[in-house]
Protein backbone atom coordinates (compact mmCIF):
# COMPACT_ATOMS: atom_id res chain seq x y z
CA MET A 1 77.89 200.60 63.37
CA GLY A 2 79.36 197.24 64.44
CA ALA A 3 76.28 195.93 65.81
CA LYS A 4 74.15 193.08 64.76
CA MET A 5 71.25 194.04 62.36
CA ALA A 6 70.16 190.46 61.85
CA ALA A 7 70.67 186.79 61.80
CA PHE A 8 69.25 184.42 59.28
CA CYS A 9 65.76 183.34 59.01
CA LEU A 10 66.37 179.96 57.70
CA ILE A 11 69.12 177.47 56.79
CA LEU A 12 69.25 174.80 54.30
CA VAL A 13 71.81 171.93 55.27
CA SER A 14 73.29 169.90 52.32
CA ILE A 15 76.17 167.36 52.82
CA ASN A 16 77.00 165.40 49.11
CA PHE A 17 79.39 162.73 49.66
CA GLY A 18 79.44 159.52 48.59
CA CYS A 19 76.66 157.97 50.52
CA GLY A 20 74.40 160.40 48.83
CA ASN A 21 72.79 163.54 49.76
CA LEU A 22 71.30 164.05 52.98
CA SER A 23 69.73 167.50 53.94
CA GLN A 24 67.64 168.95 56.51
CA THR A 25 65.62 172.07 56.89
CA LEU A 26 66.01 174.16 60.40
CA GLY A 27 65.14 176.86 62.07
CA GLY A 28 67.10 179.53 64.77
CA GLY A 29 70.48 180.22 65.12
CA ALA A 30 72.20 177.62 64.04
CA ALA A 31 71.83 174.29 61.44
CA MET A 32 73.42 170.96 61.38
CA ALA A 33 73.27 168.17 58.63
CA PRO A 34 71.73 164.95 60.29
CA SER A 35 75.23 162.36 60.38
CA ASN A 36 75.44 160.25 57.39
CA GLY A 37 78.58 158.63 59.03
CA ASN A 38 81.31 161.21 57.49
CA LEU A 39 81.34 165.01 57.71
CA GLN A 40 78.77 167.26 60.12
CA MET A 41 78.61 171.18 59.39
CA THR A 42 76.80 173.16 61.24
CA ALA A 43 77.21 177.58 60.90
CA GLN A 44 75.62 180.54 61.76
CA PHE A 45 75.44 184.11 59.64
CA SER A 46 75.47 187.29 61.13
CA VAL A 47 74.73 190.58 59.03
CA MET A 48 76.15 193.73 60.62
CA ALA A 49 76.05 197.59 59.64
CA ASP A 50 79.73 196.77 57.62
CA ARG A 51 80.59 193.06 57.81
CA LEU A 52 78.78 189.59 57.10
CA GLU A 53 80.03 186.83 59.75
CA ILE A 54 80.00 183.51 59.41
CA ASP A 55 81.04 181.23 62.67
CA TYR A 56 80.93 177.43 61.06
CA SER A 57 82.31 173.81 62.72
CA VAL A 58 82.71 171.21 60.55
CA HIS A 59 82.59 167.83 62.72
CA ASN A 60 84.45 164.41 61.31
CA SER A 61 82.11 161.95 62.67
CA SER A 62 83.94 159.02 60.56
CA HIS A 63 86.58 156.79 61.26
CA THR A 64 88.45 158.19 58.26
CA ASN A 65 90.76 161.42 58.08
CA MET A 66 89.56 164.12 55.88
CA TYR A 67 91.61 166.89 54.82
CA LEU A 68 89.18 170.59 54.74
CA LEU A 69 90.11 172.92 52.18
CA ASP A 70 89.43 176.12 53.93
CA THR A 71 92.67 177.17 54.63
CA ALA A 72 95.08 179.38 52.83
CA VAL A 73 98.71 180.53 52.68
CA LEU A 74 99.54 183.48 51.92
CA ILE A 75 102.59 185.77 51.15
CA ASN A 76 103.18 189.19 52.00
CA SER A 77 104.93 192.25 50.02
CA GLN A 78 107.73 191.67 52.50
CA GLY A 79 108.08 187.47 51.82
CA ALA A 80 106.30 186.73 55.00
CA THR A 81 103.80 183.77 54.75
CA THR A 82 100.58 183.31 56.75
CA VAL A 83 98.29 180.94 57.26
CA GLY A 84 95.01 181.13 58.14
CA PRO A 85 91.31 181.03 56.96
CA ALA A 86 90.67 181.01 53.01
CA LYS A 87 88.61 183.66 52.06
CA PRO A 88 85.79 182.21 50.10
CA ARG A 89 85.25 183.00 46.65
CA VAL A 90 82.06 185.14 46.27
CA GLU A 91 79.78 184.83 42.99
CA TYR A 92 76.85 186.34 42.02
CA VAL A 93 73.82 184.21 40.54
CA GLN A 94 70.97 186.27 39.20
CA PRO A 95 68.72 187.23 40.62
CA ASN A 96 69.57 187.27 44.66
CA LEU A 97 71.96 184.26 45.36
CA ALA A 98 75.53 184.69 46.82
CA VAL A 99 77.51 182.00 46.53
CA LEU A 100 80.73 182.02 49.00
CA SER A 101 82.93 178.58 48.39
CA ASP A 102 86.34 177.51 49.99
CA LYS A 103 87.14 174.77 47.52
CA LEU A 104 89.15 173.19 44.76
CA PHE A 105 88.18 175.21 41.20
CA PRO A 106 89.26 173.02 37.78
CA LEU A 107 92.36 174.88 36.48
CA PRO A 108 91.63 176.82 33.51
CA PRO A 109 91.00 175.30 30.34
CA GLY A 110 94.75 174.86 28.58
CA THR A 111 96.38 175.47 31.39
CA MET A 112 100.42 173.68 31.61
CA THR A 113 102.38 173.07 34.76
CA ALA A 114 105.87 172.56 35.19
CA VAL A 115 104.94 170.63 37.88
CA PRO A 116 101.79 168.57 38.51
CA PRO A 117 99.06 171.07 40.73
CA SER A 118 98.69 170.61 44.28
CA ALA A 119 96.37 172.03 47.17
CA TYR A 120 97.47 172.35 51.09
CA GLY A 121 94.47 170.90 53.23
CA GLU A 122 94.20 170.95 56.80
CA LEU A 123 93.92 167.44 58.71
CA LEU A 124 90.49 166.66 60.54
CA ALA A 125 91.00 163.46 62.52
CA ALA A 126 88.57 161.13 63.08
CA GLY A 127 85.98 162.00 65.56
CA ALA A 128 88.05 165.53 65.61
CA ILE A 129 85.82 168.91 65.24
CA LYS A 130 87.17 172.55 63.08
CA ARG A 131 85.60 175.98 64.45
CA THR A 132 86.45 178.25 62.10
CA ARG A 133 85.58 182.09 61.62
CA VAL A 134 85.14 184.15 58.27
CA GLU A 135 84.65 187.84 57.75
CA PHE A 136 83.56 190.25 54.56
CA PRO A 137 83.49 193.57 54.38
CA ILE A 138 80.24 195.11 53.28
CA PRO A 139 79.83 195.38 50.11
CA ILE A 140 81.46 192.52 48.84
CA ARG A 141 83.08 192.27 46.17
CA GLU A 142 82.04 189.54 43.50
CA GLN A 143 84.95 187.69 42.00
CA SER A 144 84.04 189.90 38.67
CA ALA A 145 84.49 193.06 40.72
CA VAL A 146 87.75 191.88 41.51
CA LYS A 147 89.39 193.91 38.89
CA ALA A 148 89.02 197.38 38.17
CA GLY A 149 86.40 198.31 36.05
CA PRO A 150 82.60 199.89 36.76
CA THR A 151 80.68 198.26 38.98
CA GLN A 152 77.17 198.55 40.18
CA GLU A 153 75.60 197.06 43.57
CA VAL A 154 72.79 194.45 43.79
CA SER A 155 71.39 192.69 46.88
CA CYS A 156 70.75 188.99 47.73
CA ASP A 157 68.84 187.81 50.40
CA HIS A 158 70.20 183.89 50.03
CA ILE A 159 73.80 182.78 50.98
CA ARG A 160 75.07 179.59 49.40
CA PHE A 161 78.26 178.53 51.54
CA VAL A 162 80.60 175.67 50.57
CA ILE A 163 83.25 174.00 51.72
CA GLY A 164 85.32 171.44 49.90
CA ALA A 165 86.72 168.42 51.82
CA VAL A 166 88.99 165.15 50.44
CA SER A 167 88.90 161.82 52.48
CA GLU A 168 92.02 160.36 52.90
CA ALA A 169 93.48 158.58 50.22
CA PRO A 170 96.67 156.77 49.21
CA GLU A 171 96.97 158.31 46.11
CA LEU A 172 96.49 162.02 47.21
CA HIS A 173 100.19 161.29 47.83
CA ALA A 174 99.47 163.79 51.43
CA THR A 175 102.53 164.94 52.86
CA PRO A 176 102.55 166.82 55.73
CA GLN A 177 104.45 170.24 56.52
CA MET A 178 104.82 172.60 58.87
CA ILE A 179 104.52 176.50 57.54
CA ALA A 180 104.07 179.39 59.18
CA GLY A 181 104.22 177.60 62.36
CA ALA A 182 100.45 175.85 60.74
CA PRO A 183 100.48 171.92 60.84
CA LEU A 184 99.08 171.65 56.90
CA TRP A 185 99.42 168.52 54.48
CA ARG A 186 100.14 168.95 50.52
CA LEU A 187 97.92 166.88 48.63
CA GLY A 188 98.71 166.01 45.11
CA PRO A 189 96.46 166.20 42.04
CA ALA A 190 94.03 163.45 43.08
CA ALA A 191 92.51 166.22 45.11
CA TRP A 192 90.80 167.72 42.35
CA ASN A 193 88.81 164.51 41.35
CA LEU A 194 88.29 163.41 44.69
CA GLN A 195 87.32 166.68 46.52
CA GLN A 196 83.32 166.57 47.99
CA GLU A 197 81.43 169.20 49.05
CA LEU A 198 79.97 170.57 52.34
CA THR A 199 76.67 172.97 51.64
CA VAL A 200 74.81 175.74 53.84
CA GLU A 201 72.12 177.44 52.18
CA ALA A 202 70.35 180.58 54.38
CA VAL A 203 68.12 183.31 53.48
CA VAL A 204 69.36 186.43 55.51
CA THR A 205 67.36 189.72 56.50
CA PRO A 206 68.59 192.53 55.89
CA ALA A 207 69.94 191.85 52.48
CA LEU A 208 73.21 191.33 51.79
CA ARG A 209 75.09 194.25 49.55
CA LEU A 210 77.58 192.76 46.61
CA LEU A 211 79.53 194.81 43.98
CA ILE A 212 79.53 193.31 40.87
CA ARG A 213 81.12 194.09 37.17
CA ARG A 214 78.77 196.60 35.36
CA PRO A 215 77.17 194.74 31.91
């Protein structure tokens, strides 16, 4: 238990920004998208007996500051606030794809808020690199299986990992805030429209075990 069973055997990286879509297929232990003057993301997936580890880094090779949307602000039952890597939302796509996403999702239709929605982002200055690790216990619970109810286990040997990012812009009305000792930026409603995605896809072996809601 705990020993690495396998790493991925194929990586596909794509970065969707204003310059257009760029993709590259690489083998080995890591992958990097070719530079398009914006962001580059590398990622490594390790499937272990009891968990999935994702080690990734994002390099801002542009001349513009960016905000990454992969940080969570959490308040525990005692009221203490912590800041750390967000746990990606997990979605199952038949027949064998697990989608793990750290990004801003559309608000439910008809949602009414007393104040305009906002989001927290971490500043990635021009030329800077951010390295992060996220972990999931195996079996991984898919979004639909978070609530109580009957579940079933499925196998996924394809992973899609997605991170949201926003380029610095006046309409964001970005405001710096220090939360639990971490420097974050509060972003206005424009972040939902300006968000762009970094995507890494991989084939892993052995396959991931997911718990999904039973039909």
